[in-house]
Amino acid sequence: MTKPLNELTITEAAKGLRAKDFTVRELWDACHSVAQERNAELNAYLELFGVDTAAVEAAQTRINTEGESAPLLCGIPLAIKDNILIEGHIASAASKILENYEAPYDAFVIEKLKEAGALFLGRTNMDEFAMGSSTEHSAYGTVKNPYDVSRVPGGSSGGSAAAVASNGAIASLGTDTGGSIRQPAAHCGLVGLKPTYGAVSRSGAIALGSSLDQIGPFGKSVADVKALFDTIKGEDPKDLTSIPANAYPIPKTGNALRIGVPRHLIKEGIDADALEVFESTLTRLVNEGHTLVDISLPTSSYALPMYYVIMPAEASTNLARYDGMRYGLARRGATGLDDYLESRTEGFGEETKRRILLGTFVLSSGYIDAYYRKAEAARDVLREEYRAAFVTCDVIAFPTTPSPAFKFGEKSDPVAMYLEDVFTVTANLTGMPAISVPMGTVVREETTLPVGIHFTTPHGAEELLFKIGAEVTGEKLY
C-alpha cells in the first residue's frame, strides 16, 4: 500500500491485514514508533505500552484462520484515555492522587475490545479527572495540537485526539461529559462520537459526572467511529444505567434528512470564518437532497449554567472517595483530619479543587434548592424541547465549537474556558447521541486549522449520525 501503515483507517488496515499486505506486528510497530517519536513534542501519551507478543500473535492467527469473518478491529492498535481501566496498567485520570493506581480489572469496553482482538498502544493524557476543555489541566503536562503545537488539542480527551491526529494510533477511546470527545475531535480534524447515555457501559471508567459521562470513539473516518461503537456498545449487568440495543425505537426516515438549525443560538459568539464554513456545509447538504428546518430551543441558552451546576455537584460526590485512606495518594499529618486535608490538597490540581468546591456549595444546605434542584428541573425542560424539535426534524446541527483550536493560556479565565462547551453540553444533559465531523478549515496566523460540524439525534439513533456524518465526509458506509 502507498500510504504509511500508521496513517491507515481501521477499514483500510483491516483490509490490508486480510489481504496479507502486511502483518499485525508490522502495523503495531508502525504506530508505536511514530507515537514514541512524536510524544516528546505532543505529550499525547502518559505511557506507551510494550508490545504484547501473545496478543499480536493471537490476532494474526485469528485473521489468518477466520479471514473476512474475523472482527474488523482484530489486530488494530488503539490508544485509550487514562481514565478507562486496563487490567495491570496504571489508570491515573491524569491526577497525582491516582499516580500509582493499578487497574485490578478491565473496563467493560476493554473487555469488548479484547474479545474483538484489538491491541492497546498506551494510555493517553487528559485533563485531570476529565475536568477541562483544553488538556491544560493534566498533572503531567499539557498536550499539544498536532496541527500547531502552540495550540491546545481540546479536552478533556486531548491526548486521545492528538494520538490519532498525529497518526500515533489508528483510532482511540475517550470519555465525554460535556463535549470532551467532540470538541477535541473538531480541534484535531477527527470524527468523534458521544453515544446515547447508557448505550456504552461506564463500568471501569473513572467517574466525573455519573449522569453525564459516556465512553466513545475517535476515528479518522465515520466508518471507523461506527466500527468502534458497534464493538463497545451493549448492556452490562455491572452498570445499571446501561441499556439494551433496542431500548429506543429507531426513527424512520428517508434518504433525505430534515436538518434542524437553531439559528437563534448560533448567530452570535462564533468566529465569522467558522460560521461561513458551517453555512457552506449546510448548503452542500441541501444540494445533496436534504432540507433545512428552522427550530427553536430556548432553554439551550441556559444549558451551560445548568451544566456547570450539575456536573460539579456530581464531581464533588464522585471525588469524595479519594481521601488518602483507602487508595491513591496518602499523606499523614498530626491528626486524621490533617491526613485527609494534606492528601487532597497535594493530590488534586487547581481546576479539580475549583469544581469540587463549586459542587459542594451547590449541594449544601440552603443552596441545593436554589441551584442544584432548579438546574435539574431546567434539564427536564431541555429534554422535552429536544423531543418536540425532533417531531419536525431528524437531526439538529450546530458548529461543534465557536472557534478553532486556541493558543495555550488564551482562555485562562475559567468562564471563557467553560464557554468552549456551549454547543456540546446539551447532548450530555439530554442523554442524546451526538457526533462531530470535520467540515473544513480556517486560517489563524498563517496556520490552517480544522473546524467541525456537530449533529444530534434522538436517543438510540446513532445510525442517523453516521448517515449524515458520511454525507459531510463523502464516505460510502454501506
Protein backbone atom coordinates (compact mmCIF):
# COMPACT_ATOMS: atom_id res chain seq x y z
CA MET A 1 0.00 0.00 0.00
CA THR A 2 1.28 3.51 -0.79
CA LYS A 3 0.03 5.07 2.44
CA PRO A 4 2.21 4.57 5.56
CA LEU A 5 0.70 1.89 7.78
CA ASN A 6 0.20 4.21 10.77
CA GLU A 7 -1.88 6.57 8.60
CA LEU A 8 -4.44 3.93 7.66
CA THR A 9 -8.04 3.97 8.85
CA ILE A 10 -9.48 0.95 10.64
CA THR A 11 -11.22 -0.24 7.49
CA GLU A 12 -8.07 0.21 5.36
CA ALA A 13 -5.90 -1.56 7.92
CA ALA A 14 -8.37 -4.43 8.28
CA LYS A 15 -8.48 -4.87 4.51
CA GLY A 16 -4.68 -4.85 4.26
CA LEU A 17 -4.29 -7.39 7.07
CA ARG A 18 -6.72 -9.79 5.41
CA ALA A 19 -5.02 -9.34 2.03
CA LYS A 20 -1.66 -10.12 3.73
CA ASP A 21 -0.21 -6.80 2.51
CA PHE A 22 1.40 -6.52 5.96
CA THR A 23 1.28 -8.26 9.33
CA VAL A 24 -0.28 -7.29 12.65
CA ARG A 25 3.21 -6.81 14.10
CA GLU A 26 4.21 -4.50 11.25
CA LEU A 27 1.08 -2.41 11.81
CA TRP A 28 1.75 -2.28 15.56
CA ASP A 29 5.40 -1.30 15.06
CA ALA A 30 4.49 1.46 12.60
CA CYS A 31 2.04 3.04 15.04
CA HIS A 32 4.20 2.55 18.11
CA SER A 33 7.33 4.03 16.55
CA VAL A 34 5.52 7.17 15.37
CA ALA A 35 3.77 7.53 18.73
CA GLN A 36 7.11 7.29 20.50
CA GLU A 37 8.77 9.73 18.12
CA ARG A 38 6.02 12.36 18.34
CA ASN A 39 5.28 12.01 22.04
CA ALA A 40 8.28 14.05 23.19
CA GLU A 41 6.71 17.00 21.39
CA LEU A 42 2.98 16.32 21.77
CA ASN A 43 2.77 14.59 25.20
CA ALA A 44 -0.28 12.70 23.92
CA TYR A 45 0.59 9.52 25.82
CA LEU A 46 1.23 9.28 29.53
CA GLU A 47 2.52 5.76 28.96
CA LEU A 48 3.32 3.77 25.82
CA PHE A 49 2.96 0.05 26.44
CA GLY A 50 5.47 -2.50 25.26
CA VAL A 51 4.36 -4.95 22.62
CA ASP A 52 2.15 -7.78 23.91
CA THR A 53 3.60 -10.50 21.72
CA ALA A 54 0.97 -13.06 22.71
CA ALA A 55 -1.89 -10.69 21.81
CA VAL A 56 -0.25 -9.75 18.50
CA GLU A 57 0.27 -13.40 17.56
CA ALA A 58 -3.27 -14.31 18.62
CA ALA A 59 -4.69 -11.53 16.43
CA GLN A 60 -2.57 -12.64 13.45
CA THR A 61 -3.65 -16.26 13.87
CA ARG A 62 -7.27 -15.23 14.10
CA ILE A 63 -7.07 -13.18 10.90
CA ASN A 64 -5.25 -15.99 9.09
CA THR A 65 -7.82 -18.53 10.26
CA GLU A 66 -11.08 -16.58 10.07
CA GLY A 67 -10.28 -14.23 7.20
CA GLU A 68 -13.15 -11.90 6.35
CA SER A 69 -15.23 -13.23 9.27
CA ALA A 70 -12.64 -12.03 11.82
CA PRO A 71 -13.77 -8.93 13.75
CA LEU A 72 -12.92 -5.69 11.96
CA LEU A 73 -10.89 -4.48 14.96
CA CYS A 74 -8.76 -7.61 15.19
CA GLY A 75 -5.09 -6.56 15.21
CA ILE A 76 -5.87 -2.82 15.21
CA PRO A 77 -3.67 -0.70 17.57
CA LEU A 78 -5.73 1.70 19.67
CA ALA A 79 -4.99 4.44 22.22
CA ILE A 80 -7.03 4.51 25.46
CA LYS A 81 -7.79 7.51 27.65
CA ASP A 82 -6.17 7.33 31.09
CA ASN A 83 -9.49 7.15 32.95
CA ILE A 84 -10.51 3.82 31.36
CA LEU A 85 -9.23 0.78 33.26
CA ILE A 86 -6.93 -1.76 31.57
CA GLU A 87 -6.09 -4.57 33.97
CA GLY A 88 -2.50 -4.46 35.18
CA HIS A 89 -1.84 -0.93 33.93
CA ILE A 90 -1.85 2.40 35.74
CA ALA A 91 -5.09 4.38 35.44
CA SER A 92 -4.38 7.80 36.97
CA ALA A 93 -7.02 10.02 35.33
CA ALA A 94 -4.00 12.36 34.86
CA SER A 95 -4.04 13.12 38.59
CA LYS A 96 -1.32 12.90 41.24
CA ILE A 97 -3.83 11.41 43.64
CA LEU A 98 -4.00 8.24 41.49
CA GLU A 99 -0.48 8.27 40.06
CA ASN A 100 0.28 4.73 41.26
CA TYR A 101 -3.19 3.20 40.97
CA GLU A 102 -3.01 -0.06 39.02
CA ALA A 103 -6.28 -1.20 37.49
CA PRO A 104 -7.41 -4.51 39.08
CA TYR A 105 -9.80 -5.35 36.24
CA ASP A 106 -10.74 -4.36 32.69
CA ALA A 107 -13.41 -1.79 31.92
CA PHE A 108 -16.38 -3.24 30.04
CA VAL A 109 -15.25 -1.55 26.82
CA ILE A 110 -11.75 -3.03 27.19
CA GLU A 111 -13.27 -6.49 27.63
CA LYS A 112 -15.23 -5.97 24.40
CA LEU A 113 -12.16 -4.74 22.51
CA LYS A 114 -10.06 -7.66 23.76
CA GLU A 115 -12.77 -10.07 22.60
CA ALA A 116 -12.53 -8.44 19.16
CA GLY A 117 -8.73 -8.86 19.12
CA ALA A 118 -7.84 -5.16 19.34
CA LEU A 119 -4.42 -4.09 20.65
CA PHE A 120 -3.57 -1.27 23.07
CA LEU A 121 -0.71 1.13 22.40
CA GLY A 122 -0.90 3.06 25.66
CA ARG A 123 -2.85 5.37 27.93
CA THR A 124 -3.41 8.93 26.78
CA ASN A 125 -3.09 12.24 28.56
CA MET A 126 -6.18 14.18 29.61
CA ASP A 127 -7.46 16.97 31.81
CA GLU A 128 -7.33 15.77 35.41
CA PHE A 129 -10.42 13.65 36.13
CA ALA A 130 -11.73 14.88 32.73
CA MET A 131 -12.21 18.42 34.07
CA GLY A 132 -11.30 20.75 31.25
CA SER A 133 -11.66 21.72 27.60
CA SER A 134 -8.01 22.06 26.61
CA THR A 135 -5.92 19.33 28.31
CA GLU A 136 -4.05 22.12 30.08
CA HIS A 137 -5.15 20.70 33.45
CA SER A 138 -3.25 17.41 33.44
CA ALA A 139 -0.91 16.82 36.38
CA TYR A 140 1.61 15.50 33.83
CA GLY A 141 1.88 18.40 31.41
CA THR A 142 -0.17 19.77 28.53
CA VAL A 143 -0.93 18.02 25.24
CA LYS A 144 -0.04 19.86 22.02
CA ASN A 145 -2.24 20.06 18.93
CA PRO A 146 -0.56 18.22 16.00
CA TYR A 147 -1.71 20.97 13.61
CA ASP A 148 0.02 23.69 15.64
CA VAL A 149 1.94 22.87 18.82
CA SER A 150 1.31 26.37 20.20
CA ARG A 151 -2.40 25.48 20.38
CA VAL A 152 -4.50 23.17 22.51
CA PRO A 153 -5.89 19.90 21.16
CA GLY A 154 -9.14 20.41 23.06
CA GLY A 155 -10.18 18.43 26.10
CA SER A 156 -10.62 16.65 28.24
CA SER A 157 -9.75 13.79 25.84
CA GLY A 158 -6.97 15.81 24.19
CA GLY A 159 -4.40 13.02 24.36
CA SER A 160 -6.69 10.53 22.62
CA ALA A 161 -7.39 13.06 19.86
CA ALA A 162 -3.74 14.10 19.41
CA ALA A 163 -2.61 10.46 19.28
CA VAL A 164 -4.88 9.73 16.31
CA ALA A 165 -4.42 13.09 14.57
CA SER A 166 -0.63 12.62 14.67
CA ASN A 167 -1.04 9.06 13.32
CA GLY A 168 0.37 7.63 16.54
CA ALA A 169 -2.68 5.35 16.73
CA ILE A 170 -5.22 4.07 14.22
CA ALA A 171 -8.12 5.15 16.47
CA SER A 172 -8.79 5.76 20.16
CA LEU A 173 -11.28 5.89 23.00
CA GLY A 174 -12.14 8.91 25.13
CA THR A 175 -14.87 9.94 27.52
CA ASP A 176 -17.39 12.72 27.03
CA THR A 177 -19.05 14.56 29.94
CA GLY A 178 -19.84 17.89 28.26
CA GLY A 179 -18.12 17.63 24.88
CA SER A 180 -14.81 16.02 25.81
CA ILE A 181 -14.75 13.80 22.71
CA ARG A 182 -16.48 16.04 20.19
CA GLN A 183 -14.60 19.27 20.97
CA PRO A 184 -11.09 17.78 20.64
CA ALA A 185 -12.25 15.89 17.55
CA ALA A 186 -13.17 19.24 15.99
CA HIS A 187 -9.86 20.85 17.01
CA CYS A 188 -7.82 17.92 15.66
CA GLY A 189 -9.70 17.21 12.40
CA LEU A 190 -11.24 13.91 13.53
CA VAL A 191 -14.64 12.27 13.85
CA GLY A 192 -15.79 11.92 17.47
CA LEU A 193 -18.94 10.29 18.85
CA LYS A 194 -20.77 10.75 22.16
CA PRO A 195 -23.17 7.78 22.26
CA THR A 196 -26.66 7.69 23.75
CA TYR A 197 -26.44 7.69 27.55
CA GLY A 198 -26.31 4.04 28.59
CA ALA A 199 -25.52 2.64 25.14
CA VAL A 200 -21.91 2.05 26.24
CA SER A 201 -21.26 0.81 29.78
CA ARG A 202 -19.42 3.13 32.15
CA SER A 203 -18.16 0.19 34.21
CA GLY A 204 -14.43 0.62 34.62
CA ALA A 205 -14.39 4.32 33.69
CA ILE A 206 -13.25 6.66 36.47
CA ALA A 207 -16.34 8.79 37.11
CA LEU A 208 -16.69 12.56 36.78
CA GLY A 209 -20.43 13.20 36.39
CA SER A 210 -22.35 9.95 36.56
CA SER A 211 -25.47 11.19 34.76
CA LEU A 212 -23.38 12.83 32.03
CA ASP A 213 -20.33 10.61 31.31
CA GLN A 214 -20.11 8.40 28.24
CA ILE A 215 -17.21 6.48 26.70
CA GLY A 216 -16.93 6.98 22.96
CA PRO A 217 -14.60 6.67 19.95
CA PHE A 218 -12.29 8.93 17.95
CA GLY A 219 -11.54 7.97 14.35
CA LYS A 220 -10.14 9.25 11.08
CA SER A 221 -13.46 8.48 9.39
CA VAL A 222 -17.12 7.99 10.19
CA ALA A 223 -16.74 4.31 9.28
CA ASP A 224 -14.01 3.91 11.91
CA VAL A 225 -16.13 5.52 14.62
CA LYS A 226 -19.06 3.31 13.68
CA ALA A 227 -16.85 0.20 13.85
CA LEU A 228 -15.63 1.10 17.33
CA PHE A 229 -19.12 1.98 18.58
CA ASP A 230 -20.58 -1.27 17.24
CA THR A 231 -17.87 -3.16 19.16
CA ILE A 232 -18.06 -1.42 22.55
CA LYS A 233 -21.82 -0.88 22.87
CA GLY A 234 -24.07 -3.26 24.78
CA GLU A 235 -25.89 -3.88 28.03
CA ASP A 236 -23.72 -4.58 31.04
CA PRO A 237 -25.01 -6.11 34.32
CA LYS A 238 -22.26 -4.22 36.18
CA ASP A 239 -23.70 -0.87 35.06
CA LEU A 240 -27.36 -0.43 35.93
CA THR A 241 -27.60 2.64 33.66
CA SER A 242 -26.59 0.63 30.58
CA ILE A 243 -29.34 -0.18 28.12
CA PRO A 244 -30.06 -2.96 25.59
CA ALA A 245 -29.56 -2.27 21.90
CA ASN A 246 -33.32 -1.99 21.25
CA ALA A 247 -34.08 0.31 24.20
CA TYR A 248 -35.28 3.14 21.95
CA PRO A 249 -37.36 2.99 18.76
CA ILE A 250 -35.35 3.70 15.62
CA PRO A 251 -36.67 6.83 13.87
CA LYS A 252 -37.99 6.18 10.38
CA THR A 253 -36.50 8.48 7.76
CA GLY A 254 -36.00 8.50 4.04
CA ASN A 255 -32.71 9.06 2.24
CA ALA A 256 -33.27 12.81 2.56
CA LEU A 257 -32.99 14.08 6.12
CA ARG A 258 -34.56 17.12 7.74
CA ILE A 259 -31.76 19.09 9.39
CA GLY A 260 -32.88 21.34 12.23
CA VAL A 261 -30.86 24.53 12.69
CA PRO A 262 -31.44 26.65 15.84
CA ARG A 263 -30.17 29.90 14.32
CA HIS A 264 -31.17 31.91 17.38
CA LEU A 265 -28.37 30.12 19.26
CA ILE A 266 -25.59 30.40 16.68
CA LYS A 267 -25.94 33.94 15.38
CA GLU A 268 -23.53 35.34 17.97
CA GLY A 269 -20.28 34.24 19.56
CA ILE A 270 -18.96 32.23 16.61
CA ASP A 271 -15.94 33.29 14.60
CA ALA A 272 -17.10 34.67 11.26
CA ASP A 273 -15.00 32.32 9.13
CA ALA A 274 -16.06 29.26 11.13
CA LEU A 275 -19.71 30.29 10.69
CA GLU A 276 -19.11 30.71 6.96
CA VAL A 277 -17.75 27.15 6.71
CA PHE A 278 -20.76 25.90 8.70
CA GLU A 279 -23.22 27.63 6.35
CA SER A 280 -21.42 26.34 3.25
CA THR A 281 -21.57 22.81 4.67
CA LEU A 282 -25.32 23.14 5.20
CA THR A 283 -25.69 24.44 1.64
CA ARG A 284 -23.81 21.41 0.31
CA LEU A 285 -26.12 19.09 2.27
CA VAL A 286 -29.16 20.85 0.80
CA ASN A 287 -27.70 20.41 -2.67
CA GLU A 288 -27.42 16.69 -1.94
CA GLY A 289 -31.16 16.49 -1.25
CA HIS A 290 -31.53 17.23 2.45
CA THR A 291 -33.69 20.05 3.79
CA LEU A 292 -33.12 22.69 6.46
CA VAL A 293 -35.70 23.38 9.16
CA ASP A 294 -35.58 26.40 11.47
CA ILE A 295 -36.14 25.23 15.04
CA SER A 296 -36.29 26.88 18.43
CA LEU A 297 -34.57 25.56 21.56
CA PRO A 298 -34.94 28.44 24.01
CA THR A 299 -33.80 26.53 27.11
CA SER A 300 -30.49 25.74 25.37
CA SER A 301 -29.49 29.31 26.21
CA TYR A 302 -29.31 28.12 29.82
CA ALA A 303 -27.63 24.78 29.09
CA LEU A 304 -24.15 25.93 30.06
CA PRO A 305 -25.10 27.32 33.50
CA MET A 306 -27.23 24.27 34.31
CA TYR A 307 -24.35 22.01 33.24
CA TYR A 308 -21.89 23.86 35.46
CA VAL A 309 -24.20 23.32 38.43
CA ILE A 310 -24.99 19.62 37.81
CA MET A 311 -21.52 18.47 36.74
CA PRO A 312 -19.58 19.93 39.72
CA ALA A 313 -22.22 18.59 42.10
CA GLU A 314 -21.77 15.07 40.73
CA ALA A 315 -17.99 15.52 40.57
CA SER A 316 -17.70 16.56 44.21
CA THR A 317 -19.66 13.46 45.18
CA ASN A 318 -17.63 11.10 42.98
CA LEU A 319 -14.28 12.52 44.07
CA ALA A 320 -15.09 12.29 47.79
CA ARG A 321 -13.75 8.71 47.71
CA TYR A 322 -10.18 9.99 47.12
CA ASP A 323 -9.45 10.69 50.77
CA GLY A 324 -5.97 9.26 51.33
CA MET A 325 -7.42 6.47 53.45
CA ARG A 326 -8.33 3.66 51.05
CA TYR A 327 -6.27 4.02 47.88
CA GLY A 328 -4.37 6.63 45.93
CA LEU A 329 -2.03 9.28 47.31
CA ALA A 330 -1.82 9.23 51.12
CA ARG A 331 -0.19 11.93 53.26
CA ARG A 332 -0.03 11.70 57.04
CA GLY A 333 -0.47 14.70 59.31
CA ALA A 334 -0.82 15.23 63.04
CA THR A 335 -4.49 14.17 63.07
CA GLY A 336 -6.88 12.14 60.96
CA LEU A 337 -8.33 15.37 59.57
CA ASP A 338 -4.84 16.50 58.60
CA ASP A 339 -4.34 13.22 56.72
CA TYR A 340 -7.44 13.97 54.69
CA LEU A 341 -6.62 17.63 54.07
CA GLU A 342 -2.99 17.06 53.10
CA SER A 343 -3.75 14.13 50.78
CA ARG A 344 -6.43 16.00 48.86
CA THR A 345 -4.58 19.33 48.82
CA GLU A 346 -1.45 17.74 47.34
CA GLY A 347 -3.27 15.20 45.19
CA PHE A 348 -5.75 17.43 43.34
CA GLY A 349 -4.95 20.18 40.82
CA GLU A 350 -6.43 23.68 40.82
CA GLU A 351 -9.27 23.06 38.36
CA THR A 352 -10.33 19.91 40.18
CA LYS A 353 -10.36 21.77 43.50
CA ARG A 354 -12.39 24.58 41.94
CA ARG A 355 -15.08 22.19 40.73
CA ILE A 356 -15.17 20.22 43.98
CA LEU A 357 -15.72 23.45 45.90
CA LEU A 358 -18.40 24.63 43.47
CA GLY A 359 -20.16 21.26 43.59
CA THR A 360 -20.06 21.10 47.37
CA PHE A 361 -21.50 24.61 47.53
CA VAL A 362 -24.49 23.91 45.24
CA LEU A 363 -25.31 20.76 47.22
CA SER A 364 -25.03 22.40 50.63
CA SER A 365 -27.93 23.15 52.94
CA GLY A 366 -29.69 26.34 51.90
CA TYR A 367 -28.35 26.22 48.33
CA ILE A 368 -29.37 22.82 46.98
CA ASP A 369 -32.90 24.10 46.26
CA ALA A 370 -31.69 27.40 44.82
CA TYR A 371 -29.17 25.84 42.43
CA TYR A 372 -28.98 22.08 42.02
CA ARG A 373 -32.69 21.21 42.03
CA LYS A 374 -33.51 24.15 39.75
CA ALA A 375 -30.82 23.02 37.32
CA GLU A 376 -32.30 19.51 37.29
CA ALA A 377 -35.78 20.95 36.67
CA ALA A 378 -34.43 23.02 33.78
CA ARG A 379 -32.76 19.88 32.44
CA ASP A 380 -36.16 18.19 32.20
CA VAL A 381 -37.47 21.16 30.22
CA LEU A 382 -34.46 20.95 27.88
CA ARG A 383 -35.11 17.25 27.22
CA GLU A 384 -38.73 17.98 26.32
CA GLU A 385 -37.72 20.81 23.96
CA TYR A 386 -35.40 18.47 22.08
CA ARG A 387 -38.08 15.78 21.88
CA ALA A 388 -40.50 18.35 20.46
CA ALA A 389 -37.93 19.58 17.95
CA PHE A 390 -37.41 16.05 16.63
CA VAL A 391 -41.04 15.95 15.54
CA THR A 392 -40.15 18.42 12.78
CA CYS A 393 -36.55 17.36 12.06
CA ASP A 394 -34.36 14.25 12.04
CA VAL A 395 -31.04 15.73 13.15
CA ILE A 396 -30.01 19.03 14.73
CA ALA A 397 -26.90 20.84 13.51
CA PHE A 398 -24.51 23.24 15.28
CA PRO A 399 -20.89 24.17 14.79
CA THR A 400 -19.02 21.93 17.25
CA THR A 401 -17.09 24.85 18.75
CA PRO A 402 -17.31 28.64 18.47
CA SER A 403 -13.73 28.83 17.11
CA PRO A 404 -10.82 26.63 16.05
CA ALA A 405 -8.15 25.45 18.49
CA PHE A 406 -6.95 28.33 20.66
CA LYS A 407 -3.48 29.06 21.98
CA PHE A 408 -2.22 27.88 25.35
CA GLY A 409 -3.13 30.34 28.08
CA GLU A 410 -5.55 32.20 25.83
CA LYS A 411 -8.55 31.18 27.96
CA SER A 412 -7.02 31.41 31.43
CA ASP A 413 -10.31 32.84 32.72
CA PRO A 414 -12.35 29.75 33.77
CA VAL A 415 -15.61 31.21 32.41
CA ALA A 416 -14.03 31.80 28.99
CA MET A 417 -12.88 28.18 29.03
CA TYR A 418 -16.32 26.91 30.02
CA LEU A 419 -17.85 28.71 27.02
CA GLU A 420 -15.96 26.25 24.78
CA ASP A 421 -18.67 23.71 25.68
CA VAL A 422 -21.61 25.92 24.73
CA PHE A 423 -22.79 23.75 21.79
CA THR A 424 -21.85 20.33 23.14
CA VAL A 425 -23.22 20.15 26.70
CA THR A 426 -26.85 19.75 25.61
CA ALA A 427 -26.24 16.20 24.34
CA ASN A 428 -24.93 15.20 27.76
CA LEU A 429 -27.75 16.93 29.62
CA THR A 430 -30.40 15.25 27.45
CA GLY A 431 -28.58 11.91 27.10
CA MET A 432 -28.95 12.05 23.31
CA PRO A 433 -26.17 10.91 20.97
CA ALA A 434 -24.06 13.45 19.07
CA ILE A 435 -21.19 13.42 16.60
CA SER A 436 -18.57 15.92 15.43
CA VAL A 437 -17.35 15.61 11.85
CA PRO A 438 -14.66 17.71 10.10
CA MET A 439 -16.38 20.28 7.90
CA GLY A 440 -13.46 22.36 6.64
CA THR A 441 -10.67 24.63 7.76
CA VAL A 442 -9.94 28.22 8.76
CA VAL A 443 -6.64 30.09 8.94
CA ARG A 444 -5.08 31.60 12.04
CA GLU A 445 -1.67 33.29 11.85
CA GLU A 446 -0.93 31.55 8.53
CA THR A 447 -1.75 28.13 10.03
CA THR A 448 -4.61 26.09 8.62
CA LEU A 449 -6.80 24.65 11.41
CA PRO A 450 -9.75 22.24 11.22
CA VAL A 451 -13.28 23.02 12.38
CA GLY A 452 -16.14 20.60 12.96
CA ILE A 453 -19.89 20.37 12.44
CA HIS A 454 -21.98 18.82 15.21
CA PHE A 455 -25.13 16.73 14.82
CA THR A 456 -27.55 15.49 17.50
CA THR A 457 -30.30 12.88 17.04
CA PRO A 458 -32.96 11.27 19.29
CA HIS A 459 -31.91 8.61 21.80
CA GLY A 460 -30.66 5.44 20.15
CA ALA A 461 -30.38 6.96 16.67
CA GLU A 462 -26.60 6.71 16.19
CA GLU A 463 -27.18 5.28 12.71
CA LEU A 464 -28.63 8.64 11.65
CA LEU A 465 -25.48 10.34 12.93
CA PHE A 466 -23.33 8.00 10.87
CA LYS A 467 -25.52 8.63 7.84
CA ILE A 468 -25.37 12.44 7.99
CA GLY A 469 -21.72 12.37 9.02
CA ALA A 470 -20.83 10.28 5.98
CA GLU A 471 -22.69 12.78 3.80
CA VAL A 472 -20.36 15.51 5.10
CA THR A 473 -17.16 13.46 4.66
CA GLY A 474 -18.21 11.89 1.36
CA GLU A 475 -17.91 8.32 2.65
CA LYS A 476 -19.87 5.29 1.48
CA LEU A 477 -20.72 3.32 4.61
CA TYR A 478 -22.78 0.52 3.12
